[in-house]
C-alpha atoms as a PDB file:
ATOM      1  CA  MET A   1    -168.886 -97.894 -58.800  1.00  0.00           C
ATOM      2  CA  SER A   2    -169.755-101.694 -59.411  1.00  0.00           C
ATOM      3  CA  ALA A   3    -165.646-101.634 -59.265  1.00  0.00           C
ATOM      4  CA  ARG A   4    -165.780 -99.517 -55.775  1.00  0.00           C
ATOM      5  CA  ARG A   5    -169.084-101.697 -54.329  1.00  0.00           C
ATOM      6  CA  GLU A   6    -166.978-104.841 -55.484  1.00  0.00           C
ATOM      7  CA  GLU A   7    -163.827-103.380 -53.828  1.00  0.00           C
ATOM      8  CA  ALA A   8    -165.495-102.853 -50.158  1.00  0.00           C
ATOM      9  CA  THR A   9    -167.327-105.534 -50.012  1.00  0.00           C
ATOM     10  CA  SER A  10    -163.802-107.442 -50.525  1.00  0.00           C
ATOM     11  CA  ARG A  11    -162.452-105.600 -47.714  1.00  0.00           C
ATOM     12  CA  ALA A  12    -165.391-105.565 -45.324  1.00  0.00           C
ATOM     13  CA  GLU A  13    -165.300-109.974 -46.074  1.00  0.00           C
ATOM     14  CA  GLU A  14    -161.143-109.832 -45.234  1.00  0.00           C
ATOM     15  CA  LEU A  15    -161.819-108.110 -41.374  1.00  0.00           C
ATOM     16  CA  ARG A  16    -164.474-110.415 -41.248  1.00  0.00           C
ATOM     17  CA  ARG A  17    -162.792-113.432 -41.968  1.00  0.00           C
ATOM     18  CA  LYS A  18    -159.337-111.895 -39.643  1.00  0.00           C
ATOM     19  CA  ARG A  19    -161.952-111.331 -37.051  1.00  0.00           C
ATOM     20  CA  GLN A  20    -162.945-115.053 -36.733  1.00  0.00           C
ATOM     21  CA  GLN A  21    -159.981-116.132 -37.387  1.00  0.00           C
ATOM     22  CA  GLU A  22    -158.443-114.260 -33.962  1.00  0.00           C
ATOM     23  CA  SER A  23    -161.591-115.273 -32.237  1.00  0.00           C
ATOM     24  CA  GLN A  24    -161.162-118.982 -33.036  1.00  0.00           C
ATOM     25  CA  MET A  25    -157.090-118.627 -31.765  1.00  0.00           C
ATOM     26  CA  ARG A  26    -158.045-117.146 -28.309  1.00  0.00           C
ATOM     27  CA  TYR A  27    -160.908-119.589 -27.717  1.00  0.00           C
ATOM     28  CA  THR A  28    -158.178-122.327 -28.361  1.00  0.00           C
ATOM     29  CA  ASN A  29    -155.680-121.009 -26.469  1.00  0.00           C
ATOM     30  CA  VAL A  30    -157.919-120.810 -23.738  1.00  0.00           C
ATOM     31  CA  LYS A  31    -159.279-124.238 -23.704  1.00  0.00           C
ATOM     32  CA  GLN A  32    -155.282-125.370 -24.322  1.00  0.00           C
ATOM     33  CA  LYS A  33    -154.871-123.788 -20.679  1.00  0.00           C
ATOM     34  CA  VAL A  34    -157.703-124.797 -18.645  1.00  0.00           C
ATOM     35  CA  SER A  35    -157.039-128.457 -20.568  1.00  0.00           C
ATOM     36  CA  GLN A  36    -152.789-128.249 -19.087  1.00  0.00           C
ATOM     37  CA  SER A  37    -154.421-126.950 -15.111  1.00  0.00           C
ATOM     38  CA  THR A  38    -157.155-129.718 -15.177  1.00  0.00           C
ATOM     39  CA  ALA A  39    -154.038-132.183 -16.259  1.00  0.00           C
ATOM     40  CA  SER A  40    -151.181-130.923 -13.543  1.00  0.00           C
ATOM     41  CA  GLN A  41    -153.773-131.075 -10.828  1.00  0.00           C
ATOM     42  CA  SER A  42    -154.944-134.687 -11.727  1.00  0.00           C
ATOM     43  CA  THR A  43    -151.786-136.031 -11.874  1.00  0.00           C
ATOM     44  CA  PRO A  44    -150.613-138.134  -8.924  1.00  0.00           C
ATOM     45  CA  VAL A  45    -147.221-137.165  -7.463  1.00  0.00           C
ATOM     46  CA  THR A  46    -144.960-140.737  -6.882  1.00  0.00           C
ATOM     47  CA  SER A  47    -142.018-141.161  -4.772  1.00  0.00           C
ATOM     48  CA  ARG A  48    -139.805-143.302  -4.512  1.00  0.00           C
ATOM     49  CA  SER A  49    -137.603-144.733  -1.379  1.00  0.00           C
ATOM     50  CA  PHE A  50    -135.600-147.457  -2.859  1.00  0.00           C
ATOM     51  CA  PRO A  51    -135.754-148.187  -6.232  1.00  0.00           C
ATOM     52  CA  TYR A  52    -136.670-151.873  -5.857  1.00  0.00           C
ATOM     53  CA  ASN A  53    -140.385-150.264  -3.782  1.00  0.00           C
ATOM     54  CA  PRO A  54    -143.061-150.059  -4.739  1.00  0.00           C
ATOM     55  CA  GLN A  55    -144.966-146.550  -6.382  1.00  0.00           C
ATOM     56  CA  THR A  56    -146.710-144.802  -2.761  1.00  0.00           C
ATOM     57  CA  ARG A  57    -148.940-142.302  -4.576  1.00  0.00           C
ATOM     58  CA  HIS A  58    -150.531-139.416  -2.578  1.00  0.00           C
ATOM     59  CA  ALA A  59    -152.696-137.525  -3.550  1.00  0.00           C
ATOM     60  CA  PRO A  60    -153.012-134.010  -3.962  1.00  0.00           C
ATOM     61  CA  GLY A  61    -152.652-132.774  -0.300  1.00  0.00           C
ATOM     62  CA  SER A  62    -151.995-135.087   2.050  1.00  0.00           C
ATOM     63  CA  MET A  63    -148.572-134.072   2.485  1.00  0.00           C
ATOM     64  CA  THR A  64    -147.740-132.033   4.961  1.00  0.00           C
ATOM     65  CA  PRO A  65    -146.541-128.790   4.263  1.00  0.00           C
ATOM     66  CA  ARG A  66    -142.660-128.078   3.937  1.00  0.00           C
ATOM     67  CA  ARG A  67    -141.303-124.851   4.653  1.00  0.00           C
ATOM     68  CA  LYS A  68    -138.178-124.324   1.781  1.00  0.00           C
ATOM     69  CA  VAL A  69    -135.503-122.383   2.972  1.00  0.00           C
ATOM     70  CA  VAL A  70    -132.521-120.828  -0.037  1.00  0.00           C
ATOM     71  CA  TYR A  71    -129.942-119.625   1.227  1.00  0.00           C
ATOM     72  CA  ALA A  72    -127.658-117.010  -0.717  1.00  0.00           C
ATOM     73  CA  PRO A  73    -123.491-117.331  -0.430  1.00  0.00           C
ATOM     74  CA  GLY A  74    -122.768-114.194  -2.045  1.00  0.00           C
ATOM     75  CA  ALA A  75    -123.406-111.699  -3.995  1.00  0.00           C
ATOM     76  CA  ASN A  76    -122.931-112.986  -7.648  1.00  0.00           C
ATOM     77  CA  GLY A  77    -126.977-114.084  -7.788  1.00  0.00           C
ATOM     78  CA  SER A  78    -126.408-117.079  -6.975  1.00  0.00           C
ATOM     79  CA  GLU A  79    -128.229-119.796  -4.577  1.00  0.00           C
ATOM     80  CA  VAL A  80    -128.755-122.814  -2.247  1.00  0.00           C
ATOM     81  CA  ARG A  81    -131.713-124.330  -1.276  1.00  0.00           C
ATOM     82  CA  LEU A  82    -131.590-126.292   1.974  1.00  0.00           C
ATOM     83  CA  PRO A  83    -133.112-129.452   2.830  1.00  0.00           C
ATOM     84  CA  ALA A  84    -137.014-128.024   3.401  1.00  0.00           C
ATOM     85  CA  ILE A  85    -138.394-127.732   7.179  1.00  0.00           C
ATOM     86  CA  PRO A  86    -141.236-129.603   8.169  1.00  0.00           C
ATOM     87  CA  ILE A  87    -144.008-127.342   9.644  1.00  0.00           C
ATOM     88  CA  ILE A  88    -145.449-129.238  13.245  1.00  0.00           C
ATOM     89  CA  HIS A  89    -148.882-129.181  13.907  1.00  0.00           C
ATOM     90  CA  PHE A  90    -149.047-129.519  17.895  1.00  0.00           C
ATOM     91  CA  ASP A  91    -152.937-131.264  18.557  1.00  0.00           C
ATOM     92  CA  TRP A  92    -154.924-131.875  21.576  1.00  0.00           C
ATOM     93  CA  LYS A  93    -153.494-135.591  21.392  1.00  0.00           C
ATOM     94  CA  MET A  94    -150.251-134.417  21.465  1.00  0.00           C
ATOM     95  CA  ILE A  95    -150.669-131.970  24.945  1.00  0.00           C
ATOM     96  CA  SER A  96    -152.182-134.813  26.871  1.00  0.00           C
ATOM     97  CA  GLY A  97    -149.661-137.895  25.606  1.00  0.00           C
ATOM     98  CA  ALA A  98    -146.596-134.847  26.419  1.00  0.00           C
ATOM     99  CA  LEU A  99    -148.321-134.196  30.683  1.00  0.00           C
ATOM    100  CA  ALA A 100    -149.228-138.065  30.941  1.00  0.00           C
ATOM    101  CA  ILE A 101    -145.114-139.053  30.594  1.00  0.00           C
ATOM    102  CA  ILE A 102    -144.169-135.505  32.196  1.00  0.00           C
ATOM    103  CA  LEU A 103    -147.352-136.586  35.487  1.00  0.00           C
ATOM    104  CA  LEU A 104    -145.319-140.156  35.072  1.00  0.00           C
ATOM    105  CA  PHE A 105    -142.220-138.728  35.486  1.00  0.00           C
ATOM    106  CA  SER A 106    -142.368-136.489  38.279  1.00  0.00           C
ATOM    107  CA  VAL A 107    -143.980-139.020  40.702  1.00  0.00           C
ATOM    108  CA  LEU A 108    -141.315-141.283  39.541  1.00  0.00           C
ATOM    109  CA  LEU A 109    -139.454-139.191  41.081  1.00  0.00           C
ATOM    110  CA  MET A 110    -140.910-138.063  44.045  1.00  0.00           C
ATOM    111  CA  THR A 111    -141.651-141.358  45.246  1.00  0.00           C
ATOM    112  CA  SER A 112    -138.082-142.225  44.825  1.00  0.00           C
ATOM    113  CA  LEU A 113    -136.308-138.949  46.211  1.00  0.00           C
ATOM    114  CA  SER A 114    -134.507-139.948  48.757  1.00  0.00           C
ATOM    115  CA  ALA A 115    -136.035-136.491  50.936  1.00  0.00           C
ATOM    116  CA  PHE A 116    -139.559-137.658  51.012  1.00  0.00           C
ATOM    117  CA  ASP A 117    -138.782-140.542  53.014  1.00  0.00           C
ATOM    118  CA  ILE A 118    -139.883-140.735  56.787  1.00  0.00           C
ATOM    119  CA  THR A 119    -137.757-139.548  59.045  1.00  0.00           C
ATOM    120  CA  ASN A 120    -139.347-137.530  61.940  1.00  0.00           C
ATOM    121  CA  VAL A 121    -142.345-139.100  63.603  1.00  0.00           C
ATOM    122  CA  GLU A 122    -144.193-138.375  65.671  1.00  0.00           C
ATOM    123  CA  VAL A 123    -146.370-139.832  68.467  1.00  0.00           C
ATOM    124  CA  GLN A 124    -148.782-137.980  70.613  1.00  0.00           C
ATOM    125  CA  GLY A 125    -151.541-138.611  73.470  1.00  0.00           C
ATOM    126  CA  ILE A 126    -149.663-142.330  73.930  1.00  0.00           C
ATOM    127  CA  THR A 127    -147.560-142.896  77.231  1.00  0.00           C
ATOM    128  CA  ARG A 128    -147.515-146.715  77.888  1.00  0.00           C
ATOM    129  CA  VAL A 129    -146.580-147.250  74.841  1.00  0.00           C
ATOM    130  CA  PRO A 130    -143.310-146.649  73.877  1.00  0.00           C
ATOM    131  CA  ALA A 131    -142.617-144.482  70.484  1.00  0.00           C
ATOM    132  CA  GLY A 132    -140.380-146.248  69.095  1.00  0.00           C
ATOM    133  CA  ASP A 133    -142.510-149.281  69.213  1.00  0.00           C
ATOM    134  CA  ILE A 134    -144.948-147.955  66.749  1.00  0.00           C
ATOM    135  CA  VAL A 135    -142.614-146.115  64.467  1.00  0.00           C
ATOM    136  CA  THR A 136    -140.973-149.318  63.635  1.00  0.00           C
ATOM    137  CA  VAL A 137    -144.724-150.753  62.608  1.00  0.00           C
ATOM    138  CA  LEU A 138    -145.429-147.616  60.816  1.00  0.00           C
ATOM    139  CA  ARG A 139    -141.595-147.463  58.540  1.00  0.00           C
ATOM    140  CA  ALA A 140    -142.719-151.059  58.471  1.00  0.00           C
ATOM    141  CA  THR A 141    -145.819-150.278  56.111  1.00  0.00           C
ATOM    142  CA  ALA A 142    -143.972-147.555  53.890  1.00  0.00           C
ATOM    143  CA  SER A 143    -141.309-145.668  54.312  1.00  0.00           C
ATOM    144  CA  SER A 144    -141.689-143.091  51.762  1.00  0.00           C
ATOM    145  CA  ILE A 145    -145.087-140.026  52.492  1.00  0.00           C
ATOM    146  CA  PHE A 146    -145.988-140.721  49.042  1.00  0.00           C
ATOM    147  CA  THR A 147    -146.227-144.892  49.524  1.00  0.00           C
ATOM    148  CA  LEU A 148    -148.353-144.603  52.862  1.00  0.00           C
ATOM    149  CA  ASN A 149    -151.145-145.894  53.340  1.00  0.00           C
ATOM    150  CA  ARG A 150    -152.675-144.020  55.664  1.00  0.00           C
ATOM    151  CA  ASP A 151    -155.580-146.825  56.197  1.00  0.00           C
ATOM    152  CA  GLU A 152    -153.095-150.116  56.070  1.00  0.00           C
ATOM    153  CA  ALA A 153    -150.566-148.237  58.779  1.00  0.00           C
ATOM    154  CA  ILE A 154    -153.936-147.582  61.316  1.00  0.00           C
ATOM    155  CA  LYS A 155    -154.265-151.182  60.786  1.00  0.00           C
ATOM    156  CA  ALA A 156    -151.406-152.161  61.232  1.00  0.00           C
ATOM    157  CA  ILE A 157    -150.831-150.340  64.362  1.00  0.00           C
ATOM    158  CA  ALA A 158    -154.050-151.306  65.902  1.00  0.00           C
ATOM    159  CA  ALA A 159    -153.201-155.287  64.827  1.00  0.00           C
ATOM    160  CA  SER A 160    -149.746-154.902  66.796  1.00  0.00           C
ATOM    161  CA  PHE A 161    -150.724-152.726  69.702  1.00  0.00           C
ATOM    162  CA  PRO A 162    -155.118-154.065  70.612  1.00  0.00           C
ATOM    163  CA  GLU A 163    -154.477-151.425  73.704  1.00  0.00           C
ATOM    164  CA  LEU A 164    -154.787-148.696  71.361  1.00  0.00           C
ATOM    165  CA  THR A 165    -157.887-146.330  69.637  1.00  0.00           C
ATOM    166  CA  ASP A 166    -158.626-143.348  68.091  1.00  0.00           C
ATOM    167  CA  ILE A 167    -155.660-143.938  65.762  1.00  0.00           C
ATOM    168  CA  HIS A 168    -155.367-141.118  63.520  1.00  0.00           C
ATOM    169  CA  LEU A 169    -151.918-140.190  61.027  1.00  0.00           C
ATOM    170  CA  ARG A 170    -150.959-136.482  59.901  1.00  0.00           C
ATOM    171  CA  VAL A 171    -149.000-135.999  57.362  1.00  0.00           C
ATOM    172  CA  SER A 172    -146.024-132.517  56.714  1.00  0.00           C
ATOM    173  CA  PHE A 173    -144.188-132.501  53.539  1.00  0.00           C
ATOM    174  CA  PRO A 174    -141.452-132.730  53.388  1.00  0.00           C
ATOM    175  CA  SER A 175    -141.102-136.416  55.659  1.00  0.00           C
ATOM    176  CA  SER A 176    -142.842-136.138  59.032  1.00  0.00           C
ATOM    177  CA  VAL A 177    -145.467-137.902  60.434  1.00  0.00           C
ATOM    178  CA  VAL A 178    -147.499-137.571  63.277  1.00  0.00           C
ATOM    179  CA  VAL A 179    -149.254-140.388  64.997  1.00  0.00           C
ATOM    180  CA  THR A 180    -152.381-140.106  67.654  1.00  0.00           C
ATOM    181  CA  ALA A 181    -154.260-142.240  69.741  1.00  0.00           C
ATOM    182  CA  VAL A 182    -156.191-142.494  72.611  1.00  0.00           C
ATOM    183  CA  GLU A 183    -155.108-146.095  74.992  1.00  0.00           C
ATOM    184  CA  ARG A 184    -157.941-147.944  76.504  1.00  0.00           C
ATOM    185  CA  GLN A 185    -157.502-147.560  80.484  1.00  0.00           C
ATOM    186  CA  PRO A 186    -157.942-151.173  81.904  1.00  0.00           C
ATOM    187  CA  ILE A 187    -159.642-152.485  85.399  1.00  0.00           C
ATOM    188  CA  LEU A 188    -158.645-155.828  85.470  1.00  0.00           C
ATOM    189  CA  ALA A 189    -155.656-158.383  85.343  1.00  0.00           C
ATOM    190  CA  TRP A 190    -155.876-161.359  84.477  1.00  0.00           C
ATOM    191  CA  THR A 191    -152.785-163.945  85.356  1.00  0.00           C
ATOM    192  CA  SER A 192    -152.364-167.432  84.603  1.00  0.00           C
ATOM    193  CA  GLY A 193    -149.400-168.965  84.832  1.00  0.00           C
ATOM    194  CA  GLU A 194    -146.196-166.304  84.375  1.00  0.00           C
ATOM    195  CA  GLN A 195    -148.483-164.065  81.796  1.00  0.00           C
ATOM    196  CA  THR A 196    -149.898-161.592  82.604  1.00  0.00           C
ATOM    197  CA  LEU A 197    -152.760-159.270  80.084  1.00  0.00           C
ATOM    198  CA  TRP A 198    -154.761-156.425  81.015  1.00  0.00           C
ATOM    199  CA  ILE A 199    -158.299-156.660  80.157  1.00  0.00           C
ATOM    200  CA  ASP A 200    -160.499-152.995  79.487  1.00  0.00           C
ATOM    201  CA  LYS A 201    -164.613-152.106  80.265  1.00  0.00           C
ATOM    202  CA  GLU A 202    -164.918-153.471  76.760  1.00  0.00           C
ATOM    203  CA  GLY A 203    -162.766-156.979  76.946  1.00  0.00           C
ATOM    204  CA  VAL A 204    -159.937-155.556  75.093  1.00  0.00           C
ATOM    205  CA  VAL A 205    -157.003-158.085  75.987  1.00  0.00           C
ATOM    206  CA  MET A 206    -153.539-156.343  75.795  1.00  0.00           C
ATOM    207  CA  PRO A 207    -150.394-157.321  76.807  1.00  0.00           C
ATOM    208  CA  VAL A 208    -149.014-155.044  79.939  1.00  0.00           C
ATOM    209  CA  ARG A 209    -147.539-151.830  78.892  1.00  0.00           C
ATOM    210  CA  GLY A 210    -146.455-149.366  81.491  1.00  0.00           C
ATOM    211  CA  ASP A 211    -148.526-148.361  85.125  1.00  0.00           C
ATOM    212  CA  ALA A 212    -151.897-148.964  84.624  1.00  0.00           C
ATOM    213  CA  GLY A 213    -152.211-148.058  88.601  1.00  0.00           C
ATOM    214  CA  SER A 214    -154.087-150.670  90.752  1.00  0.00           C
ATOM    215  CA  LEU A 215    -156.009-153.748  89.635  1.00  0.00           C
ATOM    216  CA  VAL A 216    -158.233-156.276  90.335  1.00  0.00           C
ATOM    217  CA  THR A 217    -156.251-159.407  89.601  1.00  0.00           C
ATOM    218  CA  VAL A 218    -157.859-163.028  88.441  1.00  0.00           C
ATOM    219  CA  GLN A 219    -156.350-165.689  88.808  1.00  0.00           C
ATOM    220  CA  SER A 220    -156.123-168.876  86.539  1.00  0.00           C
ATOM    221  CA  SER A 221    -154.558-171.574  85.375  1.00  0.00           C
ATOM    222  CA  VAL A 222    -156.341-170.862  81.729  1.00  0.00           C
ATOM    223  CA  ALA A 223    -155.942-167.759  79.144  1.00  0.00           C
ATOM    224  CA  PRO A 224    -158.801-165.463  79.516  1.00  0.00           C
ATOM    225  CA  PRO A 225    -161.400-166.918  76.727  1.00  0.00           C
ATOM    226  CA  LEU A 226    -162.291-164.877  74.236  1.00  0.00           C
ATOM    227  CA  THR A 227    -164.769-163.921  71.265  1.00  0.00           C
ATOM    228  CA  ASN A 228    -162.017-165.072  69.211  1.00  0.00           C
ATOM    229  CA  PRO A 229    -160.173-167.566  70.095  1.00  0.00           C
ATOM    230  CA  ILE A 230    -156.483-167.461  69.521  1.00  0.00           C
ATOM    231  CA  ASP A 231    -154.127-169.731  69.762  1.00  0.00           C
ATOM    232  CA  THR A 232    -152.866-171.267  73.385  1.00  0.00           C
ATOM    233  CA  THR A 233    -149.569-172.946  74.333  1.00  0.00           C
ATOM    234  CA  GLN A 234    -149.898-175.604  77.495  1.00  0.00           C
ATOM    235  CA  GLY A 235    -153.390-172.432  78.823  1.00  0.00           C
ATOM    236  CA  VAL A 236    -151.415-169.449  78.061  1.00  0.00           C
ATOM    237  CA  LEU A 237    -152.279-167.158  75.598  1.00  0.00           C
ATOM    238  CA  ASP A 238    -150.061-167.359  73.477  1.00  0.00           C
ATOM    239  CA  TYR A 239    -149.388-162.859  72.528  1.00  0.00           C
ATOM    240  CA  ALA A 240    -147.483-163.746  69.715  1.00  0.00           C
ATOM    241  CA  ARG A 241    -149.327-165.703  68.023  1.00  0.00           C
ATOM    242  CA  LEU A 242    -151.173-163.083  68.657  1.00  0.00           C
ATOM    243  CA  VAL A 243    -150.326-160.263  67.116  1.00  0.00           C
ATOM    244  CA  LEU A 244    -148.881-162.716  63.972  1.00  0.00           C
ATOM    245  CA  ALA A 245    -152.949-162.555  64.138  1.00  0.00           C
ATOM    246  CA  ASN A 246    -153.963-159.645  63.687  1.00  0.00           C
ATOM    247  CA  GLN A 247    -151.108-158.641  61.127  1.00  0.00           C
ATOM    248  CA  SER A 248    -152.793-161.655  58.704  1.00  0.00           C
ATOM    249  CA  ALA A 249    -156.069-160.452  59.113  1.00  0.00           C
ATOM    250  CA  ALA A 250    -154.984-156.675  58.763  1.00  0.00           C
ATOM    251  CA  THR A 251    -153.743-157.945  54.933  1.00  0.00           C
ATOM    252  CA  THR A 252    -157.333-159.564  54.150  1.00  0.00           C
ATOM    253  CA  GLY A 253    -159.096-156.658  55.418  1.00  0.00           C
ATOM    254  CA  GLU A 254    -160.017-157.707  58.725  1.00  0.00           C
ATOM    255  CA  MET A 255    -159.481-156.546  62.383  1.00  0.00           C
ATOM    256  CA  VAL A 256    -159.052-159.431  64.869  1.00  0.00           C
ATOM    257  CA  ILE A 257    -159.432-157.117  68.208  1.00  0.00           C
ATOM    258  CA  PRO A 258    -158.171-159.991  70.614  1.00  0.00           C
ATOM    259  CA  GLN A 259    -161.761-159.864  72.692  1.00  0.00           C
ATOM    260  CA  MET A 260    -162.698-161.350  76.623  1.00  0.00           C
ATOM    261  CA  ASP A 261    -165.855-163.432  76.781  1.00  0.00           C
ATOM    262  CA  PRO A 262    -168.620-160.876  77.596  1.00  0.00           C
ATOM    263  CA  ASN A 263    -170.114-163.205  80.372  1.00  0.00           C
ATOM    264  CA  VAL A 264    -167.052-164.212  82.482  1.00  0.00           C
ATOM    265  CA  LEU A 265    -166.058-160.481  82.293  1.00  0.00           C
ATOM    266  CA  LYS A 266    -169.677-159.053  83.386  1.00  0.00           C
ATOM    267  CA  ALA A 267    -169.054-161.596  86.648  1.00  0.00           C
ATOM    268  CA  ALA A 268    -165.951-160.784  87.359  1.00  0.00           C
ATOM    269  CA  ILE A 269    -167.085-157.010  87.326  1.00  0.00           C
ATOM    270  CA  GLU A 270    -169.474-158.255  90.147  1.00  0.00           C
ATOM    271  CA  LEU A 271    -167.607-159.800  92.453  1.00  0.00           C
ATOM    272  CA  THR A 272    -165.593-157.353  92.260  1.00  0.00           C
ATOM    273  CA  ALA A 273    -168.175-155.120  93.395  1.00  0.00           C
ATOM    274  CA  LYS A 274    -168.302-158.678  96.260  1.00  0.00           C
ATOM    275  CA  LEU A 275    -165.614-159.514  96.967  1.00  0.00           C
ATOM    276  CA  PRO A 276    -164.650-159.379 100.756  1.00  0.00           C
ATOM    277  CA  GLU A 277    -161.233-157.597 101.818  1.00  0.00           C
ATOM    278  CA  GLY A 278    -158.490-159.428 101.170  1.00  0.00           C
ATOM    279  CA  ALA A 279    -159.489-161.939  98.855  1.00  0.00           C
ATOM    280  CA  SER A 280    -159.053-162.389  94.728  1.00  0.00           C
ATOM    281  CA  LEU A 281    -160.512-163.575  91.767  1.00  0.00           C
ATOM    282  CA  VAL A 282    -159.748-166.619  90.972  1.00  0.00           C
ATOM    283  CA  TYR A 283    -161.059-168.676  87.664  1.00  0.00           C
ATOM    284  CA  ASP A 284    -161.772-171.654  86.515  1.00  0.00           C
ATOM    285  CA  SER A 285    -163.095-173.201  83.056  1.00  0.00           C
ATOM    286  CA  VAL A 286    -165.404-175.588  84.226  1.00  0.00           C
ATOM    287  CA  GLU A 287    -166.458-174.226  87.475  1.00  0.00           C
ATOM    288  CA  GLY A 288    -166.560-170.015  87.002  1.00  0.00           C
ATOM    289  CA  MET A 289    -166.236-167.484  88.537  1.00  0.00           C
ATOM    290  CA  GLY A 290    -165.030-166.598  91.760  1.00  0.00           C
ATOM    291  CA  TRP A 291    -162.824-165.715  94.604  1.00  0.00           C
ATOM    292  CA  VAL A 292    -160.397-167.348  96.990  1.00  0.00           C
ATOM    293  CA  ASP A 293    -161.052-166.382 100.631  1.00  0.00           C
ATOM    294  CA  PRO A 294    -158.835-164.906 102.829  1.00  0.00           C
ATOM    295  CA  ARG A 295    -159.494-168.123 104.793  1.00  0.00           C
ATOM    296  CA  GLY A 296    -157.649-169.763 102.537  1.00  0.00           C
ATOM    297  CA  TRP A 297    -160.383-172.203 100.359  1.00  0.00           C
ATOM    298  CA  LYS A 298    -161.693-171.313  96.461  1.00  0.00           C
ATOM    299  CA  VAL A 299    -165.708-170.863  96.169  1.00  0.00           C
ATOM    300  CA  TYR A 300    -166.925-170.858  93.062  1.00  0.00           C
ATOM    301  CA  PHE A 301    -170.506-169.123  91.982  1.00  0.00           C
ATOM    302  CA  GLY A 302    -170.248-170.196  87.965  1.00  0.00           C
ATOM    303  CA  ILE A 303    -170.920-167.965  84.757  1.00  0.00           C
ATOM    304  CA  ASP A 304    -174.739-167.221  85.629  1.00  0.00           C
ATOM    305  CA  LEU A 305    -174.779-164.268  88.397  1.00  0.00           C
ATOM    306  CA  THR A 306    -178.539-163.464  88.426  1.00  0.00           C
ATOM    307  CA  ASP A 307    -178.966-165.121  92.020  1.00  0.00           C
ATOM    308  CA  LEU A 308    -176.094-163.998  93.018  1.00  0.00           C
ATOM    309  CA  ALA A 309    -177.314-162.973  96.046  1.00  0.00           C
ATOM    310  CA  THR A 310    -179.428-166.318  97.111  1.00  0.00           C
ATOM    311  CA  LYS A 311    -175.498-168.522  95.755  1.00  0.00           C
ATOM    312  CA  GLU A 312    -174.020-165.809  98.972  1.00  0.00           C
ATOM    313  CA  ALA A 313    -176.693-167.299 101.138  1.00  0.00           C
ATOM    314  CA  GLU A 314    -176.019-170.406 100.098  1.00  0.00           C
ATOM    315  CA  TYR A 315    -171.847-169.701 100.059  1.00  0.00           C
ATOM    316  CA  GLN A 316    -172.180-168.505 103.688  1.00  0.00           C
ATOM    317  CA  ALA A 317    -174.260-170.870 104.829  1.00  0.00           C
ATOM    318  CA  ILE A 318    -172.124-173.781 103.595  1.00  0.00           C
ATOM    319  CA  VAL A 319    -169.337-172.284 105.692  1.00  0.00           C
ATOM    320  CA  ASP A 320    -171.145-171.760 109.243  1.00  0.00           C
ATOM    321  CA  GLN A 321    -172.160-175.331 108.583  1.00  0.00           C
ATOM    322  CA  LEU A 322    -168.408-176.294 107.835  1.00  0.00           C
ATOM    323  CA  THR A 323    -166.654-174.521 110.525  1.00  0.00           C
ATOM    324  CA  ALA A 324    -169.131-175.990 113.505  1.00  0.00           C
ATOM    325  CA  GLN A 325    -167.484-179.342 112.458  1.00  0.00           C
ATOM    326  CA  GLY A 326    -164.252-177.978 111.888  1.00  0.00           C
ATOM    327  CA  ILE A 327    -163.310-178.935 108.613  1.00  0.00           C
ATOM    328  CA  THR A 328    -161.544-177.430 106.379  1.00  0.00           C
ATOM    329  CA  PRO A 329    -162.598-177.250 102.963  1.00  0.00           C
ATOM    330  CA  VAL A 330    -159.762-176.690  99.821  1.00  0.00           C
ATOM    331  CA  THR A 331    -162.998-175.278  97.102  1.00  0.00           C
ATOM    332  CA  ILE A 332    -166.787-175.033  97.676  1.00  0.00           C
ATOM    333  CA  SER A 333    -169.011-174.806  94.414  1.00  0.00           C
ATOM    334  CA  VAL A 334    -172.067-173.219  94.341  1.00  0.00           C
ATOM    335  CA  GLU A 335    -172.823-172.003  90.926  1.00  0.00           C
ATOM    336  CA  PHE A 336    -175.678-174.503  90.841  1.00  0.00           C
ATOM    337  CA  PRO A 337    -177.857-173.381  93.899  1.00  0.00           C
ATOM    338  CA  HIS A 338    -180.029-176.537  93.927  1.00  0.00           C
ATOM    339  CA  ALA A 339    -176.504-178.807  94.118  1.00  0.00           C
ATOM    340  CA  PRO A 340    -173.984-177.439  96.029  1.00  0.00           C
ATOM    341  CA  TYR A 341    -170.626-179.578  97.321  1.00  0.00           C
ATOM    342  CA  TYR A 342    -167.210-178.637  98.354  1.00  0.00           C
ATOM    343  CA  ARG A 343    -164.217-180.280  98.917  1.00  0.00           C
ATOM    344  CA  THR A 344    -161.574-181.442 100.870  1.00  0.00           C
ATOM    345  CA  GLU A 345    -158.679-181.985  99.566  1.00  0.00           C
END
């Protein structure tokens, strides 16, 4: 009995030892696998682009994954591994950059194509100013409808043609521009020397273009006095210099409209209503505004015509007195009613 018990005990202990050994081996294997996995994840990847370059290390997962391509040339089981193809990921920065490049290329293309050059210019609402002159000024500001600056073009036209107002531009694709404007209507013609200028009711001075009908003419040895003086040449308004001054002002954002002194304009309009039949207006920078009497002399009433009735009565009294004495004056001035005078030569 004791021998059997001892034999059974030894077998149980042997089985227990085998199980402990197997358990220890499984534990050791699992530990080794875990250690190997941790070591493989923490091991840095080293790449060299040149034998003498310093080593560059990349953290795992920092490189863009590449798609592997394997080519099987035959059925013998051999394979050829081709170079890896990078996987490109698009983001908003790349898309916006591409759109900006496309937009820039489109703008350069549109501004350089001859299809968008201004070839057809239509002028509407203008009869006295030649359409060709307006077209020349417009094309000098821009050659393409995409480079046309409407404000600058309108300023250039207004500077070159002060007789135009309410100027508008309308662009039609691909190469047409429509210019519309209103022409100022002159009420006076100012003649100084060999040059004649027109003046509208607002006092704007403009060159003579076309036919404006019958106008009251002011004879003078000087140019019309302006609120914004322009260079004169020998007492005559140099209109070419006026245009150059306008164009220079347009480049600085200011517009110089040649405008007559409103006091002189008012005096001219008032005297026009009192003008005797056959008489014509006359202006002198010292004597002021007056007219040429049909009987052959000049009479000046000055610029301030608030007491024009008194000046007219005094003028008529002087004329009656001189006629009675048989004196023919050359000039009579009643600019100052308390100190009138006349000259005979």
